[in-house]
C-alpha atoms as a PDB file:
ATOM      1  CA  UNK A   1      17.354 -33.529  23.300  1.00  0.00           C
ATOM      2  CA  UNK A   2      17.309 -29.868  24.295  1.00  0.00           C
ATOM      3  CA  UNK A   3      13.803 -28.959  23.083  1.00  0.00           C
ATOM      4  CA  UNK A   4      14.319 -25.151  23.457  1.00  0.00           C
ATOM      5  CA  UNK A   5      17.558 -25.218  21.421  1.00  0.00           C
ATOM      6  CA  UNK A   6      15.894 -27.391  18.765  1.00  0.00           C
ATOM      7  CA  UNK A   7      12.974 -24.964  18.539  1.00  0.00           C
ATOM      8  CA  UNK A   8      15.202 -21.886  18.332  1.00  0.00           C
ATOM      9  CA  UNK A   9      17.281 -23.471  15.585  1.00  0.00           C
ATOM     10  CA  UNK A  10      14.231 -24.496  13.574  1.00  0.00           C
ATOM     11  CA  UNK A  11      12.596 -21.109  13.892  1.00  0.00           C
ATOM     12  CA  UNK A  12      15.848 -19.238  13.063  1.00  0.00           C
ATOM     13  CA  UNK A  13      16.178 -21.410   9.922  1.00  0.00           C
ATOM     14  CA  UNK A  14      12.596 -20.379   9.051  1.00  0.00           C
ATOM     15  CA  UNK A  15      11.703 -24.094   8.945  1.00  0.00           C
ATOM     16  CA  UNK A  16       9.783 -24.947  12.142  1.00  0.00           C
ATOM     17  CA  UNK A  17       8.517 -28.183  10.579  1.00  0.00           C
ATOM     18  CA  UNK A  18      12.137 -29.455  10.499  1.00  0.00           C
ATOM     19  CA  UNK A  19      12.151 -29.712  14.282  1.00  0.00           C
ATOM     20  CA  UNK A  20      10.035 -32.834  13.784  1.00  0.00           C
ATOM     21  CA  UNK A  21       8.540 -32.296  17.219  1.00  0.00           C
ATOM     22  CA  UNK A  22       5.608 -30.020  18.189  1.00  0.00           C
ATOM     23  CA  UNK A  23       6.716 -26.543  19.168  1.00  0.00           C
ATOM     24  CA  UNK A  24       4.543 -24.989  21.891  1.00  0.00           C
ATOM     25  CA  UNK A  25       4.527 -21.714  23.718  1.00  0.00           C
ATOM     26  CA  UNK A  26       2.984 -20.543  26.981  1.00  0.00           C
ATOM     27  CA  UNK A  27       0.592 -18.137  25.254  1.00  0.00           C
ATOM     28  CA  UNK A  28      -1.138 -17.707  21.929  1.00  0.00           C
ATOM     29  CA  UNK A  29       0.550 -14.293  21.572  1.00  0.00           C
ATOM     30  CA  UNK A  30       4.038 -15.862  21.790  1.00  0.00           C
ATOM     31  CA  UNK A  31       3.074 -18.550  19.270  1.00  0.00           C
ATOM     32  CA  UNK A  32       1.719 -15.940  16.796  1.00  0.00           C
ATOM     33  CA  UNK A  33       4.762 -13.675  17.239  1.00  0.00           C
ATOM     34  CA  UNK A  34       7.091 -16.590  16.587  1.00  0.00           C
ATOM     35  CA  UNK A  35       5.060 -17.800  13.563  1.00  0.00           C
ATOM     36  CA  UNK A  36       5.295 -14.293  12.081  1.00  0.00           C
ATOM     37  CA  UNK A  37       9.090 -14.546  12.306  1.00  0.00           C
ATOM     38  CA  UNK A  38       9.064 -17.548   9.978  1.00  0.00           C
ATOM     39  CA  UNK A  39       7.538 -15.559   7.145  1.00  0.00           C
ATOM     40  CA  UNK A  40      10.986 -14.297   6.058  1.00  0.00           C
ATOM     41  CA  UNK A  41      10.978 -10.730   4.729  1.00  0.00           C
ATOM     42  CA  UNK A  42       7.209 -10.328   4.583  1.00  0.00           C
ATOM     43  CA  UNK A  43       5.957  -7.183   6.251  1.00  0.00           C
ATOM     44  CA  UNK A  44       3.666  -8.468   9.084  1.00  0.00           C
ATOM     45  CA  UNK A  45       0.920  -6.048   8.112  1.00  0.00           C
ATOM     46  CA  UNK A  46       0.706  -7.630   4.566  1.00  0.00           C
ATOM     47  CA  UNK A  47       0.647 -11.238   5.900  1.00  0.00           C
ATOM     48  CA  UNK A  48      -2.406 -13.136   4.876  1.00  0.00           C
ATOM     49  CA  UNK A  49      -3.591 -15.012   7.955  1.00  0.00           C
ATOM     50  CA  UNK A  50      -6.865 -16.920   8.513  1.00  0.00           C
ATOM     51  CA  UNK A  51      -8.320 -18.261  11.726  1.00  0.00           C
ATOM     52  CA  UNK A  52     -10.913 -20.959  10.980  1.00  0.00           C
ATOM     53  CA  UNK A  53     -12.896 -23.059  13.452  1.00  0.00           C
ATOM     54  CA  UNK A  54     -11.695 -26.273  11.787  1.00  0.00           C
ATOM     55  CA  UNK A  55     -11.157 -27.552   8.283  1.00  0.00           C
ATOM     56  CA  UNK A  56     -14.722 -28.914   8.139  1.00  0.00           C
ATOM     57  CA  UNK A  57     -16.217 -25.499   9.023  1.00  0.00           C
ATOM     58  CA  UNK A  58     -14.863 -22.807   6.714  1.00  0.00           C
ATOM     59  CA  UNK A  59     -18.085 -20.891   6.245  1.00  0.00           C
ATOM     60  CA  UNK A  60     -16.983 -18.149   8.660  1.00  0.00           C
ATOM     61  CA  UNK A  61     -13.484 -17.191   9.559  1.00  0.00           C
ATOM     62  CA  UNK A  62     -11.359 -14.327  10.869  1.00  0.00           C
ATOM     63  CA  UNK A  63      -8.987 -12.903   8.315  1.00  0.00           C
ATOM     64  CA  UNK A  64      -6.112 -10.468   8.582  1.00  0.00           C
ATOM     65  CA  UNK A  65      -6.584  -7.001   7.048  1.00  0.00           C
ATOM     66  CA  UNK A  66      -4.412  -8.079   4.102  1.00  0.00           C
ATOM     67  CA  UNK A  67      -7.500  -9.929   2.819  1.00  0.00           C
ATOM     68  CA  UNK A  68      -9.731  -6.820   2.794  1.00  0.00           C
ATOM     69  CA  UNK A  69      -9.155  -5.843  -0.881  1.00  0.00           C
ATOM     70  CA  UNK A  70      -9.764  -9.429  -1.979  1.00  0.00           C
ATOM     71  CA  UNK A  71     -12.995  -9.576  -0.017  1.00  0.00           C
ATOM     72  CA  UNK A  72     -14.311  -6.536  -1.928  1.00  0.00           C
ATOM     73  CA  UNK A  73     -13.228  -7.930  -5.303  1.00  0.00           C
ATOM     74  CA  UNK A  74     -14.799 -11.407  -4.948  1.00  0.00           C
ATOM     75  CA  UNK A  75     -18.554 -12.127  -4.997  1.00  0.00           C
ATOM     76  CA  UNK A  76     -18.089 -15.434  -3.124  1.00  0.00           C
ATOM     77  CA  UNK A  77     -16.730 -13.608  -0.030  1.00  0.00           C
ATOM     78  CA  UNK A  78     -18.692 -11.355   2.315  1.00  0.00           C
ATOM     79  CA  UNK A  79     -17.422  -9.045   5.017  1.00  0.00           C
ATOM     80  CA  UNK A  80     -19.421  -9.814   8.165  1.00  0.00           C
ATOM     81  CA  UNK A  81     -17.905  -7.199  10.462  1.00  0.00           C
ATOM     82  CA  UNK A  82     -15.592  -4.190  10.586  1.00  0.00           C
ATOM     83  CA  UNK A  83     -11.859  -4.568  11.059  1.00  0.00           C
ATOM     84  CA  UNK A  84     -10.867  -5.055  14.716  1.00  0.00           C
ATOM     85  CA  UNK A  85      -7.642  -5.880  16.526  1.00  0.00           C
ATOM     86  CA  UNK A  86      -6.991  -9.485  17.453  1.00  0.00           C
ATOM     87  CA  UNK A  87      -8.783 -10.164  20.768  1.00  0.00           C
ATOM     88  CA  UNK A  88      -6.394 -11.467  23.433  1.00  0.00           C
ATOM     89  CA  UNK A  89      -7.097 -11.945  27.126  1.00  0.00           C
ATOM     90  CA  UNK A  90      -4.890 -10.491  29.835  1.00  0.00           C
ATOM     91  CA  UNK A  91      -2.632 -13.545  29.725  1.00  0.00           C
ATOM     92  CA  UNK A  92      -2.023 -13.273  25.946  1.00  0.00           C
ATOM     93  CA  UNK A  93      -4.333 -16.050  24.758  1.00  0.00           C
ATOM     94  CA  UNK A  94      -6.850 -15.677  21.938  1.00  0.00           C
ATOM     95  CA  UNK A  95     -10.408 -15.130  23.059  1.00  0.00           C
ATOM     96  CA  UNK A  96     -12.569 -17.783  21.362  1.00  0.00           C
ATOM     97  CA  UNK A  97     -14.794 -16.439  18.595  1.00  0.00           C
ATOM     98  CA  UNK A  98     -16.281 -19.630  17.282  1.00  0.00           C
END
């Protein structure tokens, strides 16, 4: 199997799960950029993305700016910091926040 060709086909079809094998990238930045391509016609700035520590620890999370209005409308959500760009190291990997 040509892994790279399989991944490109699955991503182009907007169905990465159909590759049936894990798709991996050298950096987190490349993985995030590719994931954003699978959203279809969604403007990346309006994409609702969450970064949670794990599914057993959802008390705190990082959220994309598309969640800001919802955070203000809901009493069960609290904004803990100001908006900031995603923190990546010089290689392009996410800097751990949890």
